[in-house]
N, C-alpha and C. Protein backbone atom coordinates (compact mmCIF):
# COMPACT_ATOMS: atom_id res chain seq x y z
N MET A 1 127.02 104.79 98.94
CA MET A 1 126.48 104.23 98.65
C MET A 1 126.83 102.01 98.28
N SER A 2 126.46 100.80 98.66
CA SER A 2 126.60 100.72 97.93
C SER A 2 125.89 99.72 96.89
N LYS A 3 126.52 99.10 96.53
CA LYS A 3 124.81 98.17 95.24
C LYS A 3 125.21 98.77 94.26
N ASN A 4 126.36 99.54 93.50
CA ASN A 4 126.46 101.02 92.51
C ASN A 4 124.70 100.96 92.48
N VAL A 5 124.41 102.10 92.88
CA VAL A 5 123.20 102.99 93.28
C VAL A 5 123.05 104.01 93.03
N GLN A 6 122.53 105.43 92.16
CA GLN A 6 122.97 106.44 91.31
C GLN A 6 122.10 107.28 93.12
N VAL A 7 122.85 107.86 94.35
CA VAL A 7 122.49 108.86 95.23
C VAL A 7 122.39 110.24 94.64
N GLN A 8 121.98 111.30 95.20
CA GLN A 8 122.33 112.11 94.63
C GLN A 8 121.95 113.85 95.50
N ILE A 9 122.79 114.58 96.42
CA ILE A 9 122.87 114.96 97.16
C ILE A 9 121.40 115.63 96.93
N GLY A 10 120.70 115.85 97.53
CA GLY A 10 119.32 117.00 97.01
C GLY A 10 117.93 115.95 96.08
N ASP A 11 118.59 114.28 96.78
CA ASP A 11 117.36 113.39 96.16
C ASP A 11 116.46 113.09 97.78
N GLU A 12 115.19 113.09 97.30
CA GLU A 12 113.84 113.50 98.54
C GLU A 12 114.46 111.53 99.27
N VAL A 13 113.63 111.49 100.47
CA VAL A 13 113.64 110.45 101.55
C VAL A 13 112.49 111.15 101.48
N MET A 14 111.81 109.18 102.20
CA MET A 14 110.67 108.86 102.46
C MET A 14 110.05 107.66 103.07
N ALA A 15 109.23 106.83 103.13
CA ALA A 15 108.97 105.97 103.97
C ALA A 15 108.92 104.96 103.37
N HIS A 16 107.67 105.15 102.97
CA HIS A 16 107.06 104.31 101.95
C HIS A 16 107.30 105.08 99.70
N LYS A 17 107.45 104.28 98.92
CA LYS A 17 107.16 104.67 97.45
C LYS A 17 106.56 106.02 96.77
N ASP A 18 105.28 105.86 97.91
CA ASP A 18 104.16 106.77 97.61
C ASP A 18 103.79 107.60 99.18
N SER A 19 104.39 107.98 100.31
CA SER A 19 104.81 108.47 100.63
C SER A 19 105.04 110.43 100.44
N GLN A 20 104.73 111.34 101.33
CA GLN A 20 105.00 112.20 101.59
C GLN A 20 107.20 112.56 101.78
N LYS A 21 107.96 113.06 101.64
CA LYS A 21 108.67 113.00 102.09
C LYS A 21 109.34 113.73 103.71
N PHE A 22 110.40 113.13 103.86
CA PHE A 22 110.89 114.00 105.34
C PHE A 22 111.99 114.01 105.59
N GLY A 23 112.61 113.31 104.22
CA GLY A 23 113.71 114.39 104.22
C GLY A 23 114.88 114.84 103.14
N ALA A 24 115.73 114.57 103.39
CA ALA A 24 116.98 114.59 101.45
C ALA A 24 118.27 114.78 101.72
N VAL A 25 119.02 114.02 101.39
CA VAL A 25 120.39 113.70 101.55
C VAL A 25 121.10 115.02 101.16
N ARG A 26 121.76 114.91 102.10
CA ARG A 26 123.29 115.94 102.47
C ARG A 26 124.23 115.60 101.70
N GLU A 27 124.67 113.86 102.54
CA GLU A 27 125.75 113.55 101.75
C GLU A 27 126.18 112.41 101.22
N VAL A 28 126.79 111.57 100.52
CA VAL A 28 126.29 109.93 99.51
C VAL A 28 127.41 110.53 100.94
N HIS A 29 128.02 108.94 101.52
CA HIS A 29 129.33 108.10 101.67
C HIS A 29 129.14 106.92 101.20
N PRO A 30 130.04 106.04 101.23
CA PRO A 30 129.93 104.25 100.43
C PRO A 30 128.77 103.32 101.19
N HIS A 31 128.78 103.52 102.43
CA HIS A 31 127.73 102.86 103.76
C HIS A 31 126.91 103.61 104.30
N GLU A 32 126.76 104.67 104.26
CA GLU A 32 126.25 105.47 104.53
C GLU A 32 125.47 107.39 104.13
N LEU A 33 124.54 107.43 104.14
CA LEU A 33 123.84 109.11 103.52
C LEU A 33 123.83 109.99 105.39
N ILE A 34 124.00 111.08 105.25
CA ILE A 34 123.70 112.08 105.84
C ILE A 34 122.51 112.26 105.11
N ILE A 35 121.36 112.71 105.80
CA ILE A 35 119.90 112.86 104.78
C ILE A 35 119.72 113.85 106.51
N ASP A 36 118.89 114.71 106.14
CA ASP A 36 118.42 116.05 107.36
C ASP A 36 117.13 115.28 107.22
N ILE A 37 116.48 115.68 108.48
CA ILE A 37 114.71 114.97 108.80
C ILE A 37 114.30 117.06 108.44
N GLU A 38 113.34 117.41 107.96
CA GLU A 38 113.03 118.15 108.44
C GLU A 38 112.44 118.54 109.59
N GLY A 39 112.68 119.33 110.10
CA GLY A 39 112.22 119.84 111.69
C GLY A 39 113.11 118.93 112.92
N PHE A 40 114.36 118.48 112.30
CA PHE A 40 114.89 117.81 113.27
C PHE A 40 116.35 118.30 112.73
N GLY A 41 116.90 117.85 111.70
CA GLY A 41 118.72 117.74 111.81
C GLY A 41 118.71 116.76 111.24
N ASP A 42 120.19 116.56 110.71
CA ASP A 42 120.53 115.83 109.90
C ASP A 42 121.21 114.70 110.58
N ILE A 43 121.32 113.80 109.98
CA ILE A 43 121.18 112.04 110.87
C ILE A 43 122.19 111.55 109.88
N ARG A 44 123.03 110.25 110.74
CA ARG A 44 122.87 109.65 109.33
C ARG A 44 122.23 108.52 108.97
N LEU A 45 122.41 108.09 108.27
CA LEU A 45 120.80 106.25 107.27
C LEU A 45 122.68 105.78 107.25
N PRO A 46 122.05 104.78 107.96
CA PRO A 46 122.75 103.43 107.24
C PRO A 46 122.32 103.01 105.26
N ALA A 47 123.50 102.39 104.80
CA ALA A 47 123.11 101.79 103.82
C ALA A 47 122.18 100.56 103.80
N GLY A 48 122.18 99.87 105.22
CA GLY A 48 121.18 98.92 105.11
C GLY A 48 120.02 99.24 105.77
N ALA A 49 119.30 100.25 105.74
CA ALA A 49 117.77 101.47 106.21
C ALA A 49 117.50 101.26 104.72
N VAL A 50 117.89 101.60 103.46
CA VAL A 50 118.13 101.44 101.94
C VAL A 50 117.44 100.67 101.79
N LEU A 51 115.44 101.04 101.37
CA LEU A 51 114.68 99.89 100.73
C LEU A 51 115.61 100.21 98.92
N ALA A 52 115.30 100.89 99.07
CA ALA A 52 114.91 101.30 97.03
C ALA A 52 115.10 102.77 96.89
N VAL A 53 115.92 103.18 95.66
CA VAL A 53 116.69 104.13 95.59
C VAL A 53 116.03 104.23 94.03
N HIS A 54 115.15 105.32 93.33
CA HIS A 54 114.41 105.27 92.30
C HIS A 54 113.96 106.69 91.95
N ASP A 55 114.67 106.88 90.87
CA ASP A 55 113.81 109.11 90.16
C ASP A 55 114.31 109.54 91.23
N GLY A 56 115.26 109.81 91.66
CA GLY A 56 115.59 111.00 92.73
C GLY A 56 115.10 111.06 94.14
N LYS A 57 114.68 109.53 94.31
CA LYS A 57 114.49 109.08 96.12
C LYS A 57 114.59 108.24 96.31
N ILE A 58 114.59 108.50 97.52
CA ILE A 58 115.35 107.61 98.43
C ILE A 58 113.67 106.83 99.51
N VAL A 59 113.35 105.05 99.36
CA VAL A 59 112.81 104.75 99.86
C VAL A 59 113.62 104.36 101.41
N VAL A 60 113.27 104.03 102.32
CA VAL A 60 114.49 103.97 104.08
C VAL A 60 112.77 102.97 104.82
N ASP A 61 113.69 101.73 104.72
CA ASP A 61 113.00 101.15 106.34
C ASP A 61 113.33 101.99 107.34
N VAL A 62 111.84 102.68 107.99
CA VAL A 62 112.20 103.17 109.79
C VAL A 62 112.22 102.52 110.18
N ARG A 63 111.67 101.18 110.52
CA ARG A 63 111.81 100.58 111.26
C ARG A 63 113.14 99.92 111.65
N LYS A 64 114.25 100.33 110.66
CA LYS A 64 115.48 99.79 111.13
C LYS A 64 116.59 101.71 111.90
N LEU A 65 115.97 102.49 112.08
CA LEU A 65 117.01 103.53 112.93
C LEU A 65 115.99 103.43 113.50
N PRO A 66 116.77 104.11 114.99
CA PRO A 66 116.46 104.27 116.40
C PRO A 66 115.45 105.09 116.52
N ASP A 67 114.85 104.66 117.45
CA ASP A 67 113.95 105.55 118.11
C ASP A 67 113.20 106.58 118.33
N GLN A 68 114.43 107.47 118.49
CA GLN A 68 114.18 109.01 118.22
C GLN A 68 114.39 109.53 116.70
N VAL A 69 115.51 108.86 115.96
CA VAL A 69 114.69 109.37 114.94
C VAL A 69 113.85 109.12 113.93
N GLN A 70 112.97 107.48 114.78
CA GLN A 70 111.67 107.12 113.74
C GLN A 70 110.53 108.39 114.27
N ASN A 71 110.58 108.46 115.46
CA ASN A 71 109.99 109.83 115.93
C ASN A 71 109.97 110.90 114.87
N ALA A 72 111.16 111.74 114.75
CA ALA A 72 111.21 112.41 114.50
C ALA A 72 110.80 112.69 112.83
N ILE A 73 110.99 111.38 112.53
CA ILE A 73 109.87 111.02 110.68
C ILE A 73 108.47 111.18 111.34
N ARG A 74 108.03 110.63 112.24
CA ARG A 74 106.84 110.55 112.46
C ARG A 74 106.31 112.45 112.38
N HIS A 75 107.00 113.04 112.66
CA HIS A 75 106.74 114.14 113.48
C HIS A 75 107.30 115.10 111.83
N ALA A 76 107.87 115.29 111.16
CA ALA A 76 108.66 115.85 110.51
C ALA A 76 108.02 117.17 109.28
N HIS A 77 106.48 116.67 109.73
CA HIS A 77 105.65 118.11 108.81
C HIS A 77 104.60 118.82 110.44
N ASP A 78 104.68 118.28 111.67
CA ASP A 78 104.16 118.86 112.20
C ASP A 78 103.74 120.34 112.50
N LEU A 79 104.78 121.16 111.28
CA LEU A 79 105.25 122.46 112.52
C LEU A 79 103.75 123.50 111.22
N GLU A 80 104.13 122.31 109.84
CA GLU A 80 103.42 122.75 108.70
C GLU A 80 101.72 122.94 108.63
N THR A 81 101.17 121.95 109.32
CA THR A 81 99.50 121.77 110.20
C THR A 81 99.53 122.79 111.37
N GLN A 82 100.13 124.02 112.04
CA GLN A 82 100.49 124.48 112.26
C GLN A 82 100.15 126.34 112.31
């Protein structure tokens, strides 16, 4: 990741600071992260979609992601309610 922020494998990924996590970091690369979205699988998350990194949490601008990924994020917890 750029900007010299500390991102680690296992960090939680969420759409808002106070929202429920929808995934976790699996790999860290200089300009992208590989994250696992619950119920969907791994995707490449470009550094430009990261809004903030703090306390083991990554906040993402979901609007910068493809429609298919946005849909997966919206439904990340569907299996938990069944």
